[in-house]
Amino acid sequence: TPSLLIEVGASNENKAHQDVRPLEFWRLNSHRFPVLSPIAREIFGIPASSGSVEQVFSTATDILSAKRNRIKPCLFQSLLFIKKNYKWAK
């Protein structure tokens, strides 16, 4: 959407101070970036673990089955992205 593109451009121009943590930055600037802020807070709030990697491999196995072994890499990547990010599109 146009507002999202404007926010992305503005956020790229805005340089955060090195001492500001990412979650704090997005909380403090939520009024300036009403679309990006909730997305960034959700992403930066994800704990680092191997569990998410295992989930992606499991999803990839579901997509790339014996019956779909000739799928092109670009299509595979797109299907994996859609399957893992479907909830954000709602």
PDB file of N, CA and C in Angstrom:
ATOM      1  N   THR A   1       0.843  -1.184   0.000  1.00  0.00           N
ATOM      2  CA  THR A   1       0.000   0.000   0.000  1.00  0.00           C
ATOM      3  C   THR A   1       0.882   1.238   0.000  1.00  0.00           C
ATOM      4  N   PRO A   2       0.357   2.356  -0.472  1.00  0.00           N
ATOM      5  CA  PRO A   2       1.161   3.580  -0.512  1.00  0.00           C
ATOM      6  C   PRO A   2       1.658   4.018   0.863  1.00  0.00           C
ATOM      7  N   SER A   3       0.811   3.892   1.903  1.00  0.00           N
ATOM      8  CA  SER A   3       1.249   4.318   3.232  1.00  0.00           C
ATOM      9  C   SER A   3       2.397   3.456   3.745  1.00  0.00           C
ATOM     10  N   LEU A   4       2.372   2.176   3.419  1.00  0.00           N
ATOM     11  CA  LEU A   4       3.462   1.284   3.829  1.00  0.00           C
ATOM     12  C   LEU A   4       4.758   1.677   3.133  1.00  0.00           C
ATOM     13  N   LEU A   5       4.685   1.998   1.847  1.00  0.00           N
ATOM     14  CA  LEU A   5       5.882   2.413   1.114  1.00  0.00           C
ATOM     15  C   LEU A   5       6.457   3.704   1.684  1.00  0.00           C
ATOM     16  N   ILE A   6       5.586   4.617   2.071  1.00  0.00           N
ATOM     17  CA  ILE A   6       6.040   5.873   2.680  1.00  0.00           C
ATOM     18  C   ILE A   6       6.743   5.584   4.003  1.00  0.00           C
ATOM     19  N   GLU A   7       6.149   4.700   4.812  1.00  0.00           N
ATOM     20  CA  GLU A   7       6.752   4.353   6.099  1.00  0.00           C
ATOM     21  C   GLU A   7       8.097   3.668   5.921  1.00  0.00           C
ATOM     22  N   VAL A   8       8.197   2.767   4.963  1.00  0.00           N
ATOM     23  CA  VAL A   8       9.467   2.073   4.724  1.00  0.00           C
ATOM     24  C   VAL A   8      10.538   3.085   4.338  1.00  0.00           C
ATOM     25  N   GLY A   9      10.208   4.000   3.451  1.00  0.00           N
ATOM     26  CA  GLY A   9      11.164   5.029   3.054  1.00  0.00           C
ATOM     27  C   GLY A   9      11.583   5.898   4.220  1.00  0.00           C
ATOM     28  N   ALA A  10      10.626   6.306   5.040  1.00  0.00           N
ATOM     29  CA  ALA A  10      10.931   7.149   6.194  1.00  0.00           C
ATOM     30  C   ALA A  10      11.753   6.395   7.231  1.00  0.00           C
ATOM     31  N   SER A  11      11.455   5.123   7.430  1.00  0.00           N
ATOM     32  CA  SER A  11      12.208   4.355   8.430  1.00  0.00           C
ATOM     33  C   SER A  11      13.645   4.132   7.975  1.00  0.00           C
ATOM     34  N   ASN A  12      13.865   4.019   6.673  1.00  0.00           N
ATOM     35  CA  ASN A  12      15.226   3.857   6.156  1.00  0.00           C
ATOM     36  C   ASN A  12      16.044   5.135   6.323  1.00  0.00           C
ATOM     37  N   GLU A  13      15.369   6.274   6.278  1.00  0.00           N
ATOM     38  CA  GLU A  13      16.058   7.550   6.438  1.00  0.00           C
ATOM     39  C   GLU A  13      16.358   7.845   7.902  1.00  0.00           C
ATOM     40  N   ASN A  14      15.575   7.276   8.808  1.00  0.00           N
ATOM     41  CA  ASN A  14      15.720   7.546  10.229  1.00  0.00           C
ATOM     42  C   ASN A  14      16.803   6.648  10.823  1.00  0.00           C
ATOM     43  N   LYS A  15      17.861   7.233  11.308  1.00  0.00           N
ATOM     44  CA  LYS A  15      18.949   6.465  11.909  1.00  0.00           C
ATOM     45  C   LYS A  15      18.766   6.456  13.426  1.00  0.00           C
ATOM     46  N   ALA A  16      18.686   5.278  13.994  1.00  0.00           N
ATOM     47  CA  ALA A  16      18.536   5.140  15.436  1.00  0.00           C
ATOM     48  C   ALA A  16      19.897   5.267  16.109  1.00  0.00           C
ATOM     49  N   HIS A  17      19.881   5.796  17.303  1.00  0.00           N
ATOM     50  CA  HIS A  17      21.096   5.881  18.098  1.00  0.00           C
ATOM     51  C   HIS A  17      21.554   4.464  18.426  1.00  0.00           C
ATOM     52  N   GLN A  18      22.847   4.244  18.484  1.00  0.00           N
ATOM     53  CA  GLN A  18      23.383   2.897  18.708  1.00  0.00           C
ATOM     54  C   GLN A  18      22.936   2.286  20.031  1.00  0.00           C
ATOM     55  N   ASP A  19      22.644   3.113  21.023  1.00  0.00           N
ATOM     56  CA  ASP A  19      22.260   2.596  22.337  1.00  0.00           C
ATOM     57  C   ASP A  19      20.796   2.174  22.405  1.00  0.00           C
ATOM     58  N   VAL A  20      19.999   2.530  21.407  1.00  0.00           N
ATOM     59  CA  VAL A  20      18.576   2.198  21.422  1.00  0.00           C
ATOM     60  C   VAL A  20      18.381   0.772  20.928  1.00  0.00           C
ATOM     61  N   ARG A  21      17.679  -0.018  21.721  1.00  0.00           N
ATOM     62  CA  ARG A  21      17.379  -1.395  21.326  1.00  0.00           C
ATOM     63  C   ARG A  21      16.251  -1.386  20.294  1.00  0.00           C
ATOM     64  N   PRO A  22      16.232  -2.346  19.378  1.00  0.00           N
ATOM     65  CA  PRO A  22      15.216  -2.356  18.314  1.00  0.00           C
ATOM     66  C   PRO A  22      13.777  -2.298  18.829  1.00  0.00           C
ATOM     67  N   LEU A  23      13.440  -3.103  19.827  1.00  0.00           N
ATOM     68  CA  LEU A  23      12.070  -3.077  20.349  1.00  0.00           C
ATOM     69  C   LEU A  23      11.721  -1.716  20.938  1.00  0.00           C
ATOM     70  N   GLU A  24      12.684  -1.112  21.613  1.00  0.00           N
ATOM     71  CA  GLU A  24      12.465   0.211  22.195  1.00  0.00           C
ATOM     72  C   GLU A  24      12.273   1.252  21.091  1.00  0.00           C
ATOM     73  N   PHE A  25      13.086   1.168  20.040  1.00  0.00           N
ATOM     74  CA  PHE A  25      12.952   2.100  18.921  1.00  0.00           C
ATOM     75  C   PHE A  25      11.543   2.059  18.333  1.00  0.00           C
ATOM     76  N   TRP A  26      11.039   0.852  18.059  1.00  0.00           N
ATOM     77  CA  TRP A  26       9.729   0.731  17.432  1.00  0.00           C
ATOM     78  C   TRP A  26       8.611   1.135  18.382  1.00  0.00           C
ATOM     79  N   ARG A  27       8.801   0.912  19.689  1.00  0.00           N
ATOM     80  CA  ARG A  27       7.801   1.358  20.656  1.00  0.00           C
ATOM     81  C   ARG A  27       7.767   2.884  20.706  1.00  0.00           C
ATOM     82  N   LEU A  28       8.937   3.505  20.746  1.00  0.00           N
ATOM     83  CA  LEU A  28       9.015   4.963  20.817  1.00  0.00           C
ATOM     84  C   LEU A  28       8.547   5.640  19.532  1.00  0.00           C
ATOM     85  N   ASN A  29       8.666   4.970  18.405  1.00  0.00           N
ATOM     86  CA  ASN A  29       8.307   5.560  17.113  1.00  0.00           C
ATOM     87  C   ASN A  29       7.030   4.983  16.516  1.00  0.00           C
ATOM     88  N   SER A  30       6.223   4.340  17.332  1.00  0.00           N
ATOM     89  CA  SER A  30       4.996   3.721  16.812  1.00  0.00           C
ATOM     90  C   SER A  30       4.036   4.753  16.224  1.00  0.00           C
ATOM     91  N   HIS A  31       4.051   5.974  16.737  1.00  0.00           N
ATOM     92  CA  HIS A  31       3.184   7.022  16.181  1.00  0.00           C
ATOM     93  C   HIS A  31       3.650   7.459  14.789  1.00  0.00           C
ATOM     94  N   ARG A  32       4.946   7.351  14.522  1.00  0.00           N
ATOM     95  CA  ARG A  32       5.477   7.735  13.210  1.00  0.00           C
ATOM     96  C   ARG A  32       5.318   6.636  12.175  1.00  0.00           C
ATOM     97  N   PHE A  33       5.314   5.387  12.647  1.00  0.00           N
ATOM     98  CA  PHE A  33       5.237   4.231  11.755  1.00  0.00           C
ATOM     99  C   PHE A  33       4.121   3.295  12.207  1.00  0.00           C
ATOM    100  N   PRO A  34       2.857   3.708  12.044  1.00  0.00           N
ATOM    101  CA  PRO A  34       1.745   2.899  12.562  1.00  0.00           C
ATOM    102  C   PRO A  34       1.570   1.547  11.878  1.00  0.00           C
ATOM    103  N   VAL A  35       2.029   1.388  10.657  1.00  0.00           N
ATOM    104  CA  VAL A  35       1.902   0.104   9.960  1.00  0.00           C
ATOM    105  C   VAL A  35       3.106  -0.790  10.261  1.00  0.00           C
ATOM    106  N   LEU A  36       4.307  -0.235  10.152  1.00  0.00           N
ATOM    107  CA  LEU A  36       5.523  -1.026  10.354  1.00  0.00           C
ATOM    108  C   LEU A  36       5.779  -1.390  11.811  1.00  0.00           C
ATOM    109  N   SER A  37       5.400  -0.515  12.722  1.00  0.00           N
ATOM    110  CA  SER A  37       5.717  -0.726  14.132  1.00  0.00           C
ATOM    111  C   SER A  37       5.195  -2.045  14.689  1.00  0.00           C
ATOM    112  N   PRO A  38       3.916  -2.394  14.498  1.00  0.00           N
ATOM    113  CA  PRO A  38       3.453  -3.684  15.029  1.00  0.00           C
ATOM    114  C   PRO A  38       4.155  -4.878  14.384  1.00  0.00           C
ATOM    115  N   ILE A  39       4.467  -4.761  13.108  1.00  0.00           N
ATOM    116  CA  ILE A  39       5.162  -5.852  12.412  1.00  0.00           C
ATOM    117  C   ILE A  39       6.569  -6.010  12.979  1.00  0.00           C
ATOM    118  N   ALA A  40       7.274  -4.900  13.130  1.00  0.00           N
ATOM    119  CA  ALA A  40       8.641  -4.946  13.659  1.00  0.00           C
ATOM    120  C   ALA A  40       8.657  -5.474  15.084  1.00  0.00           C
ATOM    121  N   ARG A  41       7.703  -5.033  15.911  1.00  0.00           N
ATOM    122  CA  ARG A  41       7.653  -5.515  17.298  1.00  0.00           C
ATOM    123  C   ARG A  41       7.382  -7.012  17.344  1.00  0.00           C
ATOM    124  N   GLU A  42       6.546  -7.495  16.438  1.00  0.00           N
ATOM    125  CA  GLU A  42       6.253  -8.933  16.385  1.00  0.00           C
ATOM    126  C   GLU A  42       7.503  -9.715  15.975  1.00  0.00           C
ATOM    127  N   ILE A  43       8.206  -9.224  14.974  1.00  0.00           N
ATOM    128  CA  ILE A  43       9.400  -9.917  14.481  1.00  0.00           C
ATOM    129  C   ILE A  43      10.530  -9.868  15.504  1.00  0.00           C
ATOM    130  N   PHE A  44      10.797  -8.683  16.062  1.00  0.00           N
ATOM    131  CA  PHE A  44      11.884  -8.566  17.030  1.00  0.00           C
ATOM    132  C   PHE A  44      11.553  -9.241  18.355  1.00  0.00           C
ATOM    133  N   GLY A  45      10.294  -9.535  18.582  1.00  0.00           N
ATOM    134  CA  GLY A  45       9.889 -10.214  19.809  1.00  0.00           C
ATOM    135  C   GLY A  45      10.031 -11.719  19.746  1.00  0.00           C
ATOM    136  N   ILE A  46      10.383 -12.249  18.598  1.00  0.00           N
ATOM    137  CA  ILE A  46      10.541 -13.697  18.442  1.00  0.00           C
ATOM    138  C   ILE A  46      11.853 -14.125  19.095  1.00  0.00           C
ATOM    139  N   PRO A  47      11.793 -15.061  20.033  1.00  0.00           N
ATOM    140  CA  PRO A  47      13.038 -15.506  20.666  1.00  0.00           C
ATOM    141  C   PRO A  47      13.896 -16.320  19.694  1.00  0.00           C
ATOM    142  N   ALA A  48      15.187 -16.160  19.819  1.00  0.00           N
ATOM    143  CA  ALA A  48      16.110 -16.915  18.969  1.00  0.00           C
ATOM    144  C   ALA A  48      16.161 -18.359  19.452  1.00  0.00           C
ATOM    145  N   SER A  49      15.830 -19.266  18.577  1.00  0.00           N
ATOM    146  CA  SER A  49      15.883 -20.687  18.923  1.00  0.00           C
ATOM    147  C   SER A  49      15.953 -21.506  17.650  1.00  0.00           C
ATOM    148  N   SER A  50      16.242 -22.769  17.810  1.00  0.00           N
ATOM    149  CA  SER A  50      16.289 -23.650  16.653  1.00  0.00           C
ATOM    150  C   SER A  50      14.903 -24.170  16.296  1.00  0.00           C
ATOM    151  N   GLY A  51      13.933 -23.936  17.167  1.00  0.00           N
ATOM    152  CA  GLY A  51      12.577 -24.422  16.922  1.00  0.00           C
ATOM    153  C   GLY A  51      11.980 -23.884  15.643  1.00  0.00           C
ATOM    154  N   SER A  52      12.189 -22.603  15.374  1.00  0.00           N
ATOM    155  CA  SER A  52      11.623 -22.014  14.162  1.00  0.00           C
ATOM    156  C   SER A  52      12.269 -22.604  12.911  1.00  0.00           C
ATOM    157  N   VAL A  53      13.555 -22.886  12.985  1.00  0.00           N
ATOM    158  CA  VAL A  53      14.246 -23.496  11.847  1.00  0.00           C
ATOM    159  C   VAL A  53      13.674 -24.880  11.579  1.00  0.00           C
ATOM    160  N   GLU A  54      13.433 -25.631  12.640  1.00  0.00           N
ATOM    161  CA  GLU A  54      12.861 -26.967  12.490  1.00  0.00           C
ATOM    162  C   GLU A  54      11.462 -26.898  11.882  1.00  0.00           C
ATOM    163  N   GLN A  55      10.693 -25.868  12.249  1.00  0.00           N
ATOM    164  CA  GLN A  55       9.353 -25.697  11.678  1.00  0.00           C
ATOM    165  C   GLN A  55       9.435 -25.407  10.185  1.00  0.00           C
ATOM    166  N   VAL A  56      10.396 -24.588   9.781  1.00  0.00           N
ATOM    167  CA  VAL A  56      10.553 -24.274   8.359  1.00  0.00           C
ATOM    168  C   VAL A  56      10.934 -25.531   7.584  1.00  0.00           C
ATOM    169  N   PHE A  57      11.842 -26.337   8.117  1.00  0.00           N
ATOM    170  CA  PHE A  57      12.210 -27.583   7.446  1.00  0.00           C
ATOM    171  C   PHE A  57      11.014 -28.522   7.345  1.00  0.00           C
ATOM    172  N   SER A  58      10.196 -28.563   8.394  1.00  0.00           N
ATOM    173  CA  SER A  58       9.008 -29.407   8.369  1.00  0.00           C
ATOM    174  C   SER A  58       8.034 -28.937   7.291  1.00  0.00           C
ATOM    175  N   THR A  59       7.834 -27.619   7.210  1.00  0.00           N
ATOM    176  CA  THR A  59       6.957 -27.056   6.183  1.00  0.00           C
ATOM    177  C   THR A  59       7.528 -27.320   4.796  1.00  0.00           C
ATOM    178  N   ALA A  60       8.839 -27.177   4.650  1.00  0.00           N
ATOM    179  CA  ALA A  60       9.483 -27.431   3.359  1.00  0.00           C
ATOM    180  C   ALA A  60       9.285 -28.879   2.936  1.00  0.00           C
ATOM    181  N   THR A  61       9.344 -29.792   3.895  1.00  0.00           N
ATOM    182  CA  THR A  61       9.117 -31.205   3.593  1.00  0.00           C
ATOM    183  C   THR A  61       7.690 -31.436   3.123  1.00  0.00           C
ATOM    184  N   ASP A  62       6.735 -30.705   3.727  1.00  0.00           N
ATOM    185  CA  ASP A  62       5.341 -30.818   3.296  1.00  0.00           C
ATOM    186  C   ASP A  62       5.168 -30.351   1.849  1.00  0.00           C
ATOM    187  N   ILE A  63       5.854 -29.281   1.491  1.00  0.00           N
ATOM    188  CA  ILE A  63       5.724 -28.715   0.145  1.00  0.00           C
ATOM    189  C   ILE A  63       6.442 -29.578  -0.888  1.00  0.00           C
ATOM    190  N   LEU A  64       7.646 -30.001  -0.569  1.00  0.00           N
ATOM    191  CA  LEU A  64       8.473 -30.749  -1.516  1.00  0.00           C
ATOM    192  C   LEU A  64       8.341 -32.242  -1.226  1.00  0.00           C
ATOM    193  N   SER A  65       7.269 -32.810  -1.702  1.00  0.00           N
ATOM    194  CA  SER A  65       7.002 -34.230  -1.472  1.00  0.00           C
ATOM    195  C   SER A  65       7.446 -35.055  -2.680  1.00  0.00           C
ATOM    196  N   ALA A  66       7.240 -36.348  -2.591  1.00  0.00           N
ATOM    197  CA  ALA A  66       7.609 -37.237  -3.700  1.00  0.00           C
ATOM    198  C   ALA A  66       6.823 -36.901  -4.960  1.00  0.00           C
ATOM    199  N   LYS A  67       5.584 -36.446  -4.790  1.00  0.00           N
ATOM    200  CA  LYS A  67       4.756 -36.106  -5.954  1.00  0.00           C
ATOM    201  C   LYS A  67       5.103 -34.735  -6.529  1.00  0.00           C
ATOM    202  N   ARG A  68       5.804 -33.918  -5.760  1.00  0.00           N
ATOM    203  CA  ARG A  68       6.148 -32.571  -6.218  1.00  0.00           C
ATOM    204  C   ARG A  68       7.663 -32.406  -6.299  1.00  0.00           C
ATOM    205  N   ASN A  69       8.359 -33.432  -6.708  1.00  0.00           N
ATOM    206  CA  ASN A  69       9.816 -33.388  -6.705  1.00  0.00           C
ATOM    207  C   ASN A  69      10.414 -32.609  -7.873  1.00  0.00           C
ATOM    208  N   ARG A  70       9.593 -32.161  -8.800  1.00  0.00           N
ATOM    209  CA  ARG A  70      10.112 -31.405  -9.954  1.00  0.00           C
ATOM    210  C   ARG A  70       9.757 -29.926  -9.884  1.00  0.00           C
ATOM    211  N   ILE A  71       9.369 -29.491  -8.730  1.00  0.00           N
ATOM    212  CA  ILE A  71       8.983 -28.093  -8.555  1.00  0.00           C
ATOM    213  C   ILE A  71      10.221 -27.194  -8.724  1.00  0.00           C
ATOM    214  N   LYS A  72      10.036 -26.078  -9.386  1.00  0.00           N
ATOM    215  CA  LYS A  72      11.141 -25.154  -9.623  1.00  0.00           C
ATOM    216  C   LYS A  72      11.494 -24.430  -8.322  1.00  0.00           C
ATOM    217  N   PRO A  73      12.781 -24.126  -8.120  1.00  0.00           N
ATOM    218  CA  PRO A  73      13.209 -23.477  -6.876  1.00  0.00           C
ATOM    219  C   PRO A  73      12.466 -22.177  -6.571  1.00  0.00           C
ATOM    220  N   CYS A  74      12.199 -21.382  -7.592  1.00  0.00           N
ATOM    221  CA  CYS A  74      11.500 -20.113  -7.389  1.00  0.00           C
ATOM    222  C   CYS A  74      10.085 -20.347  -6.867  1.00  0.00           C
ATOM    223  N   LEU A  75       9.385 -21.313  -7.446  1.00  0.00           N
ATOM    224  CA  LEU A  75       8.033 -21.637  -6.997  1.00  0.00           C
ATOM    225  C   LEU A  75       8.066 -22.217  -5.587  1.00  0.00           C
ATOM    226  N   PHE A  76       9.033 -23.085  -5.318  1.00  0.00           N
ATOM    227  CA  PHE A  76       9.180 -23.658  -3.978  1.00  0.00           C
ATOM    228  C   PHE A  76       9.381 -22.561  -2.941  1.00  0.00           C
ATOM    229  N   GLN A  77      10.271 -21.628  -3.233  1.00  0.00           N
ATOM    230  CA  GLN A  77      10.547 -20.529  -2.313  1.00  0.00           C
ATOM    231  C   GLN A  77       9.290 -19.686  -2.088  1.00  0.00           C
ATOM    232  N   SER A  78       8.547 -19.422  -3.140  1.00  0.00           N
ATOM    233  CA  SER A  78       7.313 -18.643  -3.018  1.00  0.00           C
ATOM    234  C   SER A  78       6.270 -19.373  -2.186  1.00  0.00           C
ATOM    235  N   LEU A  79       6.103 -20.665  -2.429  1.00  0.00           N
ATOM    236  CA  LEU A  79       5.139 -21.449  -1.660  1.00  0.00           C
ATOM    237  C   LEU A  79       5.520 -21.518  -0.184  1.00  0.00           C
ATOM    238  N   LEU A  80       6.793 -21.691   0.093  1.00  0.00           N
ATOM    239  CA  LEU A  80       7.255 -21.736   1.477  1.00  0.00           C
ATOM    240  C   LEU A  80       7.016 -20.397   2.166  1.00  0.00           C
ATOM    241  N   PHE A  81       7.323 -19.304   1.470  1.00  0.00           N
ATOM    242  CA  PHE A  81       7.100 -17.970   2.029  1.00  0.00           C
ATOM    243  C   PHE A  81       5.624 -17.750   2.335  1.00  0.00           C
ATOM    244  N   ILE A  82       4.759 -18.101   1.395  1.00  0.00           N
ATOM    245  CA  ILE A  82       3.317 -17.916   1.588  1.00  0.00           C
ATOM    246  C   ILE A  82       2.815 -18.754   2.753  1.00  0.00           C
ATOM    247  N   LYS A  83       3.243 -20.000   2.805  1.00  0.00           N
ATOM    248  CA  LYS A  83       2.761 -20.886   3.867  1.00  0.00           C
ATOM    249  C   LYS A  83       3.203 -20.397   5.247  1.00  0.00           C
ATOM    250  N   LYS A  84       4.426 -19.896   5.368  1.00  0.00           N
ATOM    251  CA  LYS A  84       4.929 -19.441   6.662  1.00  0.00           C
ATOM    252  C   LYS A  84       4.440 -18.042   7.027  1.00  0.00           C
ATOM    253  N   ASN A  85       3.972 -17.249   6.056  1.00  0.00           N
ATOM    254  CA  ASN A  85       3.572 -15.868   6.329  1.00  0.00           C
ATOM    255  C   ASN A  85       2.106 -15.595   6.052  1.00  0.00           C
ATOM    256  N   TYR A  86       1.324 -16.626   5.856  1.00  0.00           N
ATOM    257  CA  TYR A  86      -0.088 -16.467   5.508  1.00  0.00           C
ATOM    258  C   TYR A  86      -0.843 -15.647   6.546  1.00  0.00           C
ATOM    259  N   LYS A  87      -0.537 -15.850   7.820  1.00  0.00           N
ATOM    260  CA  LYS A  87      -1.271 -15.142   8.874  1.00  0.00           C
ATOM    261  C   LYS A  87      -1.086 -13.625   8.787  1.00  0.00           C
ATOM    262  N   TRP A  88       0.025 -13.159   8.226  1.00  0.00           N
ATOM    263  CA  TRP A  88       0.260 -11.720   8.098  1.00  0.00           C
ATOM    264  C   TRP A  88      -0.584 -11.100   6.990  1.00  0.00           C
ATOM    265  N   ALA A  89      -1.036 -11.900   6.052  1.00  0.00           N
ATOM    266  CA  ALA A  89      -1.801 -11.385   4.911  1.00  0.00           C
ATOM    267  C   ALA A  89      -3.273 -11.179   5.237  1.00  0.00           C
ATOM    268  N   LYS A  90      -3.728 -11.700   6.351  1.00  0.00           N
ATOM    269  CA  LYS A  90      -5.150 -11.591   6.711  1.00  0.00           C
ATOM    270  C   LYS A  90      -5.542 -10.186   7.060  1.00  0.00           C
TER     271      LYS A  90
END
